[in-house]
Full PDB file with SEQRES, HELIX, SHEET, SSBOND, CRYST1, ORIGX, SCALE, CONECT and MASTER records, all heavy atoms in Angstrom:
SEQRES   1 A   38  HIS SER GLY GLU GLN PHE GLY ARG ASP SER GLU VAL ARG          
SEQRES   2 A   38  LEU ARG GLN PHE LYS ARG LEU ILE ASP ALA ALA THR GLU          
SEQRES   3 A   38  ARG GLY ILE SER GLU GLY TRP ALA SER ARG LYS GLY              
HELIX    1 AA1 GLU A   11  GLU A   31  1                                  21    
CRYST1    1.000    1.000    1.000  90.00  90.00  90.00 P 1           1          
ORIGX1      1.000000  0.000000  0.000000        0.00000                         
ORIGX2      0.000000  1.000000  0.000000        0.00000                         
ORIGX3      0.000000  0.000000  1.000000        0.00000                         
SCALE1      1.000000  0.000000  0.000000        0.00000                         
SCALE2      0.000000  1.000000  0.000000        0.00000                         
SCALE3      0.000000  0.000000  1.000000        0.00000                         
ATOM      1  N   HIS A   1      14.383   0.444   7.279  1.00  0.00           N  
ATOM      2  CA  HIS A   1      15.380   1.370   7.910  1.00  0.00           C  
ATOM      3  C   HIS A   1      15.618   2.707   7.344  1.00  0.00           C  
ATOM      4  O   HIS A   1      15.357   2.892   6.120  1.00  0.00           O  
ATOM      5  CB  HIS A   1      16.772   0.629   7.828  1.00  0.00           C  
ATOM      6  CG  HIS A   1      16.688  -0.764   8.548  1.00  0.00           C  
ATOM      7  ND1 HIS A   1      16.617  -0.999   9.932  1.00  0.00           N  
ATOM      8  CD2 HIS A   1      16.686  -2.044   7.939  1.00  0.00           C  
ATOM      9  CE1 HIS A   1      16.682  -2.243  10.165  1.00  0.00           C  
ATOM     10  NE2 HIS A   1      16.619  -2.906   8.905  1.00  0.00           N  
ATOM     11  N   SER A   2      15.901   3.654   8.132  1.00  0.00           N  
ATOM     12  CA  SER A   2      16.212   4.911   7.651  1.00  0.00           C  
ATOM     13  C   SER A   2      17.424   4.895   6.612  1.00  0.00           C  
ATOM     14  O   SER A   2      18.367   4.273   6.857  1.00  0.00           O  
ATOM     15  CB  SER A   2      16.679   5.924   8.838  1.00  0.00           C  
ATOM     16  OG  SER A   2      17.014   7.175   8.357  1.00  0.00           O  
ATOM     17  N   GLY A   3      17.193   5.496   5.501  1.00  0.00           N  
ATOM     18  CA  GLY A   3      18.222   5.469   4.483  1.00  0.00           C  
ATOM     19  C   GLY A   3      18.126   4.251   3.512  1.00  0.00           C  
ATOM     20  O   GLY A   3      18.897   4.236   2.602  1.00  0.00           O  
ATOM     21  N   GLU A   4      17.305   3.213   3.885  1.00  0.00           N  
ATOM     22  CA  GLU A   4      17.195   2.085   3.009  1.00  0.00           C  
ATOM     23  C   GLU A   4      16.646   2.521   1.621  1.00  0.00           C  
ATOM     24  O   GLU A   4      15.787   3.215   1.497  1.00  0.00           O  
ATOM     25  CB  GLU A   4      16.260   1.075   3.581  1.00  0.00           C  
ATOM     26  CG  GLU A   4      16.106  -0.121   2.751  1.00  0.00           C  
ATOM     27  CD  GLU A   4      15.085  -1.163   3.353  1.00  0.00           C  
ATOM     28  OE1 GLU A   4      14.850  -1.072   4.578  1.00  0.00           O  
ATOM     29  OE2 GLU A   4      14.564  -1.960   2.610  1.00  0.00           O  
ATOM     30  N   GLN A   5      17.374   2.000   0.589  1.00  0.00           N  
ATOM     31  CA  GLN A   5      16.996   2.331  -0.786  1.00  0.00           C  
ATOM     32  C   GLN A   5      16.321   1.112  -1.416  1.00  0.00           C  
ATOM     33  O   GLN A   5      16.619  -0.020  -1.073  1.00  0.00           O  
ATOM     34  CB  GLN A   5      18.273   2.616  -1.622  1.00  0.00           C  
ATOM     35  CG  GLN A   5      18.890   3.874  -1.141  1.00  0.00           C  
ATOM     36  CD  GLN A   5      18.106   5.135  -1.261  1.00  0.00           C  
ATOM     37  OE1 GLN A   5      17.512   5.347  -2.280  1.00  0.00           O  
ATOM     38  NE2 GLN A   5      18.059   5.845  -0.166  1.00  0.00           N  
ATOM     39  N   PHE A   6      15.277   1.361  -2.209  1.00  0.00           N  
ATOM     40  CA  PHE A   6      14.581   0.302  -2.928  1.00  0.00           C  
ATOM     41  C   PHE A   6      14.040   0.929  -4.257  1.00  0.00           C  
ATOM     42  O   PHE A   6      13.793   2.175  -4.332  1.00  0.00           O  
ATOM     43  CB  PHE A   6      13.402  -0.271  -2.068  1.00  0.00           C  
ATOM     44  CG  PHE A   6      12.650   0.755  -1.336  1.00  0.00           C  
ATOM     45  CD1 PHE A   6      11.655   1.578  -1.884  1.00  0.00           C  
ATOM     46  CD2 PHE A   6      12.997   0.967   0.063  1.00  0.00           C  
ATOM     47  CE1 PHE A   6      11.022   2.537  -1.190  1.00  0.00           C  
ATOM     48  CE2 PHE A   6      12.231   1.969   0.772  1.00  0.00           C  
ATOM     49  CZ  PHE A   6      11.318   2.704   0.203  1.00  0.00           C  
ATOM     50  N   GLY A   7      13.963   0.140  -5.221  1.00  0.00           N  
ATOM     51  CA  GLY A   7      13.575   0.589  -6.514  1.00  0.00           C  
ATOM     52  C   GLY A   7      12.826  -0.464  -7.280  1.00  0.00           C  
ATOM     53  O   GLY A   7      12.267  -1.425  -6.672  1.00  0.00           O  
ATOM     54  N   ARG A   8      12.813  -0.372  -8.671  1.00  0.00           N  
ATOM     55  CA  ARG A   8      11.919  -1.307  -9.415  1.00  0.00           C  
ATOM     56  C   ARG A   8      12.528  -2.666  -9.340  1.00  0.00           C  
ATOM     57  O   ARG A   8      11.730  -3.582  -9.675  1.00  0.00           O  
ATOM     58  CB  ARG A   8      12.024  -0.771 -10.860  1.00  0.00           C  
ATOM     59  CG  ARG A   8      11.167   0.527 -10.998  1.00  0.00           C  
ATOM     60  CD  ARG A   8      11.521   1.213 -12.350  1.00  0.00           C  
ATOM     61  NE  ARG A   8      10.736   2.458 -12.406  1.00  0.00           N  
ATOM     62  CZ  ARG A   8      11.142   3.617 -11.922  1.00  0.00           C  
ATOM     63  NH1 ARG A   8      12.282   3.622 -11.215  1.00  0.00           N  
ATOM     64  NH2 ARG A   8      10.442   4.701 -12.105  1.00  0.00           N  
ATOM     65  N   ASP A   9      13.725  -2.952  -8.953  1.00  0.00           N  
ATOM     66  CA  ASP A   9      14.324  -4.189  -8.808  1.00  0.00           C  
ATOM     67  C   ASP A   9      14.029  -4.889  -7.559  1.00  0.00           C  
ATOM     68  O   ASP A   9      14.435  -6.071  -7.264  1.00  0.00           O  
ATOM     69  CB  ASP A   9      15.835  -4.158  -9.146  1.00  0.00           C  
ATOM     70  CG  ASP A   9      16.557  -3.326  -8.167  1.00  0.00           C  
ATOM     71  OD1 ASP A   9      15.947  -2.495  -7.573  1.00  0.00           O  
ATOM     72  OD2 ASP A   9      17.767  -3.558  -8.036  1.00  0.00           O  
ATOM     73  N   SER A  10      13.415  -4.229  -6.543  1.00  0.00           N  
ATOM     74  CA  SER A  10      13.148  -4.743  -5.277  1.00  0.00           C  
ATOM     75  C   SER A  10      11.732  -5.328  -5.298  1.00  0.00           C  
ATOM     76  O   SER A  10      10.770  -4.756  -4.785  1.00  0.00           O  
ATOM     77  CB  SER A  10      13.289  -3.638  -4.196  1.00  0.00           C  
ATOM     78  OG  SER A  10      12.960  -4.127  -2.921  1.00  0.00           O  
ATOM     79  N   GLU A  11      11.728  -6.518  -5.768  1.00  0.00           N  
ATOM     80  CA  GLU A  11      10.375  -7.153  -5.974  1.00  0.00           C  
ATOM     81  C   GLU A  11       9.646  -7.480  -4.674  1.00  0.00           C  
ATOM     82  O   GLU A  11       8.430  -7.326  -4.576  1.00  0.00           O  
ATOM     83  CB  GLU A  11      10.578  -8.547  -6.738  1.00  0.00           C  
ATOM     84  CG  GLU A  11      11.011  -8.348  -8.229  1.00  0.00           C  
ATOM     85  CD  GLU A  11      11.087  -9.680  -8.886  1.00  0.00           C  
ATOM     86  OE1 GLU A  11      10.694 -10.719  -8.347  1.00  0.00           O  
ATOM     87  OE2 GLU A  11      11.632  -9.688 -10.039  1.00  0.00           O  
ATOM     88  N   VAL A  12      10.327  -7.769  -3.698  1.00  0.00           N  
ATOM     89  CA  VAL A  12       9.703  -8.022  -2.412  1.00  0.00           C  
ATOM     90  C   VAL A  12       9.029  -6.824  -1.828  1.00  0.00           C  
ATOM     91  O   VAL A  12       7.950  -6.800  -1.416  1.00  0.00           O  
ATOM     92  CB  VAL A  12      10.629  -8.641  -1.422  1.00  0.00           C  
ATOM     93  CG1 VAL A  12      10.098  -8.778   0.047  1.00  0.00           C  
ATOM     94  CG2 VAL A  12      11.187 -10.016  -1.711  1.00  0.00           C  
ATOM     95  N   ARG A  13       9.821  -5.669  -1.858  1.00  0.00           N  
ATOM     96  CA  ARG A  13       9.273  -4.437  -1.298  1.00  0.00           C  
ATOM     97  C   ARG A  13       8.054  -3.976  -2.171  1.00  0.00           C  
ATOM     98  O   ARG A  13       7.117  -3.534  -1.614  1.00  0.00           O  
ATOM     99  CB  ARG A  13      10.323  -3.395  -1.318  1.00  0.00           C  
ATOM    100  CG  ARG A  13      11.303  -3.428  -0.148  1.00  0.00           C  
ATOM    101  CD  ARG A  13      10.628  -3.329   1.197  1.00  0.00           C  
ATOM    102  NE  ARG A  13      11.567  -3.249   2.239  1.00  0.00           N  
ATOM    103  CZ  ARG A  13      11.293  -3.580   3.605  1.00  0.00           C  
ATOM    104  NH1 ARG A  13      10.111  -4.037   3.869  1.00  0.00           N  
ATOM    105  NH2 ARG A  13      12.173  -3.395   4.516  1.00  0.00           N  
ATOM    106  N   LEU A  14       8.107  -4.111  -3.444  1.00  0.00           N  
ATOM    107  CA  LEU A  14       7.045  -3.720  -4.274  1.00  0.00           C  
ATOM    108  C   LEU A  14       5.771  -4.480  -4.005  1.00  0.00           C  
ATOM    109  O   LEU A  14       4.676  -3.986  -4.066  1.00  0.00           O  
ATOM    110  CB  LEU A  14       7.508  -3.792  -5.826  1.00  0.00           C  
ATOM    111  CG  LEU A  14       8.541  -2.818  -6.252  1.00  0.00           C  
ATOM    112  CD1 LEU A  14       8.894  -3.096  -7.682  1.00  0.00           C  
ATOM    113  CD2 LEU A  14       8.114  -1.449  -5.977  1.00  0.00           C  
ATOM    114  N   ARG A  15       5.870  -5.758  -3.721  1.00  0.00           N  
ATOM    115  CA  ARG A  15       4.707  -6.624  -3.410  1.00  0.00           C  
ATOM    116  C   ARG A  15       4.194  -6.171  -2.008  1.00  0.00           C  
ATOM    117  O   ARG A  15       2.986  -6.031  -1.766  1.00  0.00           O  
ATOM    118  CB  ARG A  15       5.090  -8.083  -3.310  1.00  0.00           C  
ATOM    119  CG  ARG A  15       5.317  -8.711  -4.693  1.00  0.00           C  
ATOM    120  CD  ARG A  15       5.280 -10.213  -4.508  1.00  0.00           C  
ATOM    121  NE  ARG A  15       6.360 -10.731  -3.702  1.00  0.00           N  
ATOM    122  CZ  ARG A  15       7.560 -11.051  -4.013  1.00  0.00           C  
ATOM    123  NH1 ARG A  15       7.973 -10.954  -5.247  1.00  0.00           N  
ATOM    124  NH2 ARG A  15       8.400 -11.627  -3.169  1.00  0.00           N  
ATOM    125  N   GLN A  16       5.096  -5.778  -1.131  1.00  0.00           N  
ATOM    126  CA  GLN A  16       4.666  -5.346   0.142  1.00  0.00           C  
ATOM    127  C   GLN A  16       3.969  -3.943   0.091  1.00  0.00           C  
ATOM    128  O   GLN A  16       3.046  -3.717   0.790  1.00  0.00           O  
ATOM    129  CB  GLN A  16       5.935  -5.235   1.137  1.00  0.00           C  
ATOM    130  CG  GLN A  16       6.428  -6.622   1.402  1.00  0.00           C  
ATOM    131  CD  GLN A  16       7.724  -6.583   2.159  1.00  0.00           C  
ATOM    132  OE1 GLN A  16       8.437  -5.550   2.243  1.00  0.00           O  
ATOM    133  NE2 GLN A  16       8.078  -7.672   2.809  1.00  0.00           N  
ATOM    134  N   PHE A  17       4.443  -3.037  -0.839  1.00  0.00           N  
ATOM    135  CA  PHE A  17       3.826  -1.759  -0.982  1.00  0.00           C  
ATOM    136  C   PHE A  17       2.390  -1.979  -1.395  1.00  0.00           C  
ATOM    137  O   PHE A  17       1.374  -1.303  -1.132  1.00  0.00           O  
ATOM    138  CB  PHE A  17       4.562  -0.871  -1.972  1.00  0.00           C  
ATOM    139  CG  PHE A  17       5.959  -0.391  -1.382  1.00  0.00           C  
ATOM    140  CD1 PHE A  17       6.996  -0.094  -2.228  1.00  0.00           C  
ATOM    141  CD2 PHE A  17       6.203  -0.402  -0.018  1.00  0.00           C  
ATOM    142  CE1 PHE A  17       8.142   0.354  -1.735  1.00  0.00           C  
ATOM    143  CE2 PHE A  17       7.415  -0.071   0.462  1.00  0.00           C  
ATOM    144  CZ  PHE A  17       8.353   0.352  -0.416  1.00  0.00           C  
ATOM    145  N   LYS A  18       2.217  -2.919  -2.372  1.00  0.00           N  
ATOM    146  CA  LYS A  18       0.789  -3.231  -2.870  1.00  0.00           C  
ATOM    147  C   LYS A  18      -0.017  -3.732  -1.697  1.00  0.00           C  
ATOM    148  O   LYS A  18      -1.103  -3.141  -1.714  1.00  0.00           O  
ATOM    149  CB  LYS A  18       0.952  -4.421  -3.892  1.00  0.00           C  
ATOM    150  CG  LYS A  18      -0.413  -4.843  -4.515  1.00  0.00           C  
ATOM    151  CD  LYS A  18      -0.247  -5.941  -5.546  1.00  0.00           C  
ATOM    152  CE  LYS A  18      -1.616  -6.279  -6.108  1.00  0.00           C  
ATOM    153  NZ  LYS A  18      -2.610  -6.794  -5.106  1.00  0.00           N  
ATOM    154  N   ARG A  19       0.428  -4.553  -0.886  1.00  0.00           N  
ATOM    155  CA  ARG A  19      -0.276  -4.908   0.165  1.00  0.00           C  
ATOM    156  C   ARG A  19      -0.664  -3.766   1.199  1.00  0.00           C  
ATOM    157  O   ARG A  19      -1.794  -3.599   1.652  1.00  0.00           O  
ATOM    158  CB  ARG A  19       0.461  -5.932   1.062  1.00  0.00           C  
ATOM    159  CG  ARG A  19      -0.070  -6.378   2.472  1.00  0.00           C  
ATOM    160  CD  ARG A  19       0.958  -7.167   3.142  1.00  0.00           C  
ATOM    161  NE  ARG A  19       0.542  -7.364   4.582  1.00  0.00           N  
ATOM    162  CZ  ARG A  19       1.314  -7.763   5.492  1.00  0.00           C  
ATOM    163  NH1 ARG A  19       2.627  -8.259   5.212  1.00  0.00           N  
ATOM    164  NH2 ARG A  19       1.034  -7.906   6.789  1.00  0.00           N  
ATOM    165  N   LEU A  20       0.257  -2.849   1.360  1.00  0.00           N  
ATOM    166  CA  LEU A  20       0.088  -1.684   2.212  1.00  0.00           C  
ATOM    167  C   LEU A  20      -0.938  -0.753   1.561  1.00  0.00           C  
ATOM    168  O   LEU A  20      -1.857  -0.307   2.247  1.00  0.00           O  
ATOM    169  CB  LEU A  20       1.391  -0.938   2.371  1.00  0.00           C  
ATOM    170  CG  LEU A  20       1.419   0.305   3.202  1.00  0.00           C  
ATOM    171  CD1 LEU A  20       1.126  -0.062   4.601  1.00  0.00           C  
ATOM    172  CD2 LEU A  20       2.831   0.869   3.171  1.00  0.00           C  
ATOM    173  N   ILE A  21      -0.908  -0.485   0.336  1.00  0.00           N  
ATOM    174  CA  ILE A  21      -1.890   0.355  -0.422  1.00  0.00           C  
ATOM    175  C   ILE A  21      -3.286  -0.203  -0.330  1.00  0.00           C  
ATOM    176  O   ILE A  21      -4.237   0.456   0.002  1.00  0.00           O  
ATOM    177  CB  ILE A  21      -1.436   0.589  -1.848  1.00  0.00           C  
ATOM    178  CG1 ILE A  21      -0.165   1.382  -2.052  1.00  0.00           C  
ATOM    179  CG2 ILE A  21      -2.552   1.190  -2.699  1.00  0.00           C  
ATOM    180  CD1 ILE A  21       0.539   1.268  -3.293  1.00  0.00           C  
ATOM    181  N   ASP A  22      -3.441  -1.571  -0.587  1.00  0.00           N  
ATOM    182  CA  ASP A  22      -4.730  -2.224  -0.487  1.00  0.00           C  
ATOM    183  C   ASP A  22      -5.267  -2.115   0.893  1.00  0.00           C  
ATOM    184  O   ASP A  22      -6.454  -1.948   1.097  1.00  0.00           O  
ATOM    185  CB  ASP A  22      -4.616  -3.685  -0.976  1.00  0.00           C  
ATOM    186  CG  ASP A  22      -4.368  -3.627  -2.553  1.00  0.00           C  
ATOM    187  OD1 ASP A  22      -4.654  -2.668  -3.117  1.00  0.00           O  
ATOM    188  OD2 ASP A  22      -3.968  -4.767  -3.080  1.00  0.00           O  
ATOM    189  N   ALA A  23      -4.317  -2.305   1.903  1.00  0.00           N  
ATOM    190  CA  ALA A  23      -4.860  -2.421   3.309  1.00  0.00           C  
ATOM    191  C   ALA A  23      -5.280  -0.972   3.728  1.00  0.00           C  
ATOM    192  O   ALA A  23      -6.273  -0.787   4.453  1.00  0.00           O  
ATOM    193  CB  ALA A  23      -3.705  -2.959   4.223  1.00  0.00           C  
ATOM    194  N   ALA A  24      -4.535   0.042   3.367  1.00  0.00           N  
ATOM    195  CA  ALA A  24      -4.955   1.413   3.761  1.00  0.00           C  
ATOM    196  C   ALA A  24      -6.241   1.795   3.068  1.00  0.00           C  
ATOM    197  O   ALA A  24      -7.103   2.428   3.658  1.00  0.00           O  
ATOM    198  CB  ALA A  24      -3.783   2.392   3.322  1.00  0.00           C  
ATOM    199  N   THR A  25      -6.451   1.398   1.748  1.00  0.00           N  
ATOM    200  CA  THR A  25      -7.746   1.645   1.098  1.00  0.00           C  
ATOM    201  C   THR A  25      -8.851   0.955   1.950  1.00  0.00           C  
ATOM    202  O   THR A  25      -9.900   1.637   2.094  1.00  0.00           O  
ATOM    203  CB  THR A  25      -7.638   1.165  -0.308  1.00  0.00           C  
ATOM    204  OG1 THR A  25      -6.558   1.813  -0.972  1.00  0.00           O  
ATOM    205  CG2 THR A  25      -8.953   1.414  -1.114  1.00  0.00           C  
ATOM    206  N   GLU A  26      -8.739  -0.278   2.259  1.00  0.00           N  
ATOM    207  CA  GLU A  26      -9.768  -0.958   2.905  1.00  0.00           C  
ATOM    208  C   GLU A  26     -10.068  -0.382   4.272  1.00  0.00           C  
ATOM    209  O   GLU A  26     -11.245  -0.303   4.664  1.00  0.00           O  
ATOM    210  CB  GLU A  26      -9.401  -2.413   3.059  1.00  0.00           C  
ATOM    211  CG  GLU A  26      -9.221  -3.260   1.833  1.00  0.00           C  
ATOM    212  CD  GLU A  26     -10.559  -3.116   1.069  1.00  0.00           C  
ATOM    213  OE1 GLU A  26     -11.732  -3.317   1.571  1.00  0.00           O  
ATOM    214  OE2 GLU A  26     -10.523  -2.868  -0.247  1.00  0.00           O  
ATOM    215  N   ARG A  27      -9.046   0.165   4.976  1.00  0.00           N  
ATOM    216  CA  ARG A  27      -9.298   0.851   6.189  1.00  0.00           C  
ATOM    217  C   ARG A  27     -10.087   2.020   5.998  1.00  0.00           C  
ATOM    218  O   ARG A  27     -11.082   2.415   6.751  1.00  0.00           O  
ATOM    219  CB  ARG A  27      -7.935   1.221   6.847  1.00  0.00           C  
ATOM    220  CG  ARG A  27      -7.215   0.081   7.597  1.00  0.00           C  
ATOM    221  CD  ARG A  27      -7.664   0.059   9.089  1.00  0.00           C  
ATOM    222  NE  ARG A  27      -7.212   1.226   9.810  1.00  0.00           N  
ATOM    223  CZ  ARG A  27      -6.061   1.282  10.315  1.00  0.00           C  
ATOM    224  NH1 ARG A  27      -5.154   0.333  10.328  1.00  0.00           N  
ATOM    225  NH2 ARG A  27      -5.716   2.468  11.057  1.00  0.00           N  
ATOM    226  N   GLY A  28      -9.800   2.813   4.937  1.00  0.00           N  
ATOM    227  CA  GLY A  28     -10.574   4.045   4.667  1.00  0.00           C  
ATOM    228  C   GLY A  28     -11.987   3.724   4.379  1.00  0.00           C  
ATOM    229  O   GLY A  28     -12.894   4.459   4.672  1.00  0.00           O  
ATOM    230  N   ILE A  29     -12.234   2.614   3.632  1.00  0.00           N  
ATOM    231  CA  ILE A  29     -13.606   2.225   3.187  1.00  0.00           C  
ATOM    232  C   ILE A  29     -14.327   1.809   4.568  1.00  0.00           C  
ATOM    233  O   ILE A  29     -15.485   2.269   4.721  1.00  0.00           O  
ATOM    234  CB  ILE A  29     -13.594   1.013   2.288  1.00  0.00           C  
ATOM    235  CG1 ILE A  29     -13.021   1.480   0.885  1.00  0.00           C  
ATOM    236  CG2 ILE A  29     -14.969   0.388   2.049  1.00  0.00           C  
ATOM    237  CD1 ILE A  29     -12.725   0.441  -0.096  1.00  0.00           C  
ATOM    238  N   SER A  30     -13.663   1.020   5.406  1.00  0.00           N  
ATOM    239  CA  SER A  30     -14.404   0.624   6.656  1.00  0.00           C  
ATOM    240  C   SER A  30     -14.668   1.805   7.557  1.00  0.00           C  
ATOM    241  O   SER A  30     -15.661   1.696   8.297  1.00  0.00           O  
ATOM    242  CB  SER A  30     -13.479  -0.450   7.374  1.00  0.00           C  
ATOM    243  OG  SER A  30     -12.297   0.150   7.847  1.00  0.00           O  
ATOM    244  N   GLU A  31     -13.882   2.796   7.515  1.00  0.00           N  
ATOM    245  CA  GLU A  31     -14.081   3.923   8.382  1.00  0.00           C  
ATOM    246  C   GLU A  31     -14.981   5.068   7.742  1.00  0.00           C  
ATOM    247  O   GLU A  31     -15.203   6.068   8.302  1.00  0.00           O  
ATOM    248  CB  GLU A  31     -12.698   4.604   8.747  1.00  0.00           C  
ATOM    249  CG  GLU A  31     -11.788   3.647   9.691  1.00  0.00           C  
ATOM    250  CD  GLU A  31     -10.461   4.204   9.926  1.00  0.00           C  
ATOM    251  OE1 GLU A  31     -10.198   5.362   9.459  1.00  0.00           O  
ATOM    252  OE2 GLU A  31      -9.609   3.418  10.528  1.00  0.00           O  
ATOM    253  N   GLY A  32     -15.355   4.864   6.506  1.00  0.00           N  
ATOM    254  CA  GLY A  32     -16.426   5.666   5.872  1.00  0.00           C  
ATOM    255  C   GLY A  32     -15.864   6.900   5.175  1.00  0.00           C  
ATOM    256  O   GLY A  32     -16.686   7.717   4.616  1.00  0.00           O  
ATOM    257  N   TRP A  33     -14.568   7.121   4.993  1.00  0.00           N  
ATOM    258  CA  TRP A  33     -14.045   8.284   4.364  1.00  0.00           C  
ATOM    259  C   TRP A  33     -13.452   7.985   3.005  1.00  0.00           C  
ATOM    260  O   TRP A  33     -12.927   8.917   2.322  1.00  0.00           O  
ATOM    261  CB  TRP A  33     -13.041   9.053   5.216  1.00  0.00           C  
ATOM    262  CG  TRP A  33     -11.920   8.266   5.834  1.00  0.00           C  
ATOM    263  CD1 TRP A  33     -11.927   7.754   7.086  1.00  0.00           C  
ATOM    264  CD2 TRP A  33     -10.724   7.929   5.192  1.00  0.00           C  
ATOM    265  NE1 TRP A  33     -10.698   7.041   7.271  1.00  0.00           N  
ATOM    266  CE2 TRP A  33      -9.964   7.200   6.187  1.00  0.00           C  
ATOM    267  CE3 TRP A  33     -10.092   8.109   3.925  1.00  0.00           C  
ATOM    268  CZ2 TRP A  33      -8.684   6.625   5.925  1.00  0.00           C  
ATOM    269  CZ3 TRP A  33      -8.944   7.577   3.738  1.00  0.00           C  
ATOM    270  CH2 TRP A  33      -8.152   6.863   4.628  1.00  0.00           C  
ATOM    271  N   ALA A  34     -13.544   6.757   2.585  1.00  0.00           N  
ATOM    272  CA  ALA A  34     -13.004   6.424   1.257  1.00  0.00           C  
ATOM    273  C   ALA A  34     -14.036   5.430   0.516  1.00  0.00           C  
ATOM    274  O   ALA A  34     -14.740   4.753   1.176  1.00  0.00           O  
ATOM    275  CB  ALA A  34     -11.642   5.743   1.289  1.00  0.00           C  
ATOM    276  N   SER A  35     -13.880   5.379  -0.775  1.00  0.00           N  
ATOM    277  CA  SER A  35     -14.744   4.452  -1.444  1.00  0.00           C  
ATOM    278  C   SER A  35     -13.961   3.935  -2.824  1.00  0.00           C  
ATOM    279  O   SER A  35     -13.151   4.835  -3.308  1.00  0.00           O  
ATOM    280  CB  SER A  35     -16.026   5.127  -1.876  1.00  0.00           C  
ATOM    281  OG  SER A  35     -16.813   4.293  -2.821  1.00  0.00           O  
ATOM    282  N   ARG A  36     -14.198   2.754  -3.167  1.00  0.00           N  
ATOM    283  CA  ARG A  36     -13.676   2.325  -4.449  1.00  0.00           C  
ATOM    284  C   ARG A  36     -14.710   1.818  -5.342  1.00  0.00           C  
ATOM    285  O   ARG A  36     -14.480   1.110  -6.374  1.00  0.00           O  
ATOM    286  CB  ARG A  36     -12.563   1.275  -4.208  1.00  0.00           C  
ATOM    287  CG  ARG A  36     -12.997   0.061  -3.451  1.00  0.00           C  
ATOM    288  CD  ARG A  36     -11.974  -0.991  -3.354  1.00  0.00           C  
ATOM    289  NE  ARG A  36     -12.111  -1.990  -2.337  1.00  0.00           N  
ATOM    290  CZ  ARG A  36     -13.038  -2.997  -2.367  1.00  0.00           C  
ATOM    291  NH1 ARG A  36     -13.856  -3.044  -3.458  1.00  0.00           N  
ATOM    292  NH2 ARG A  36     -13.204  -3.872  -1.369  1.00  0.00           N  
ATOM    293  N   LYS A  37     -15.995   2.230  -5.105  1.00  0.00           N  
ATOM    294  CA  LYS A  37     -17.077   1.691  -5.836  1.00  0.00           C  
ATOM    295  C   LYS A  37     -17.016   2.198  -7.246  1.00  0.00           C  
ATOM    296  O   LYS A  37     -16.944   3.427  -7.561  1.00  0.00           O  
ATOM    297  CB  LYS A  37     -18.466   2.244  -5.258  1.00  0.00           C  
ATOM    298  CG  LYS A  37     -19.677   1.735  -6.022  1.00  0.00           C  
ATOM    299  CD  LYS A  37     -20.962   2.183  -5.287  1.00  0.00           C  
ATOM    300  CE  LYS A  37     -22.159   1.631  -5.980  1.00  0.00           C  
ATOM    301  NZ  LYS A  37     -23.478   2.094  -5.290  1.00  0.00           N  
ATOM    302  N   GLY A  38     -17.038   1.366  -8.224  1.00  0.00           N  
ATOM    303  CA  GLY A  38     -16.863   1.746  -9.630  1.00  0.00           C  
ATOM    304  C   GLY A  38     -15.498   2.053 -10.082  1.00  0.00           C  
ATOM    305  O   GLY A  38     -15.272   2.417 -11.302  1.00  0.00           O  
TER     306      GLY A  38                                                      
MASTER        0    0    0    1    0    0    0    6  305    1    0    3          
END                                                                             
């Protein structure tokens, strides 16, 4: 939500951000403009 606050104590959100970061990275790799080789 707009204005929602979350920080280091929001374990659920932090796990979800990890999922989001990994998913965005994989999309970039599949589309050819990103790489995580090495």
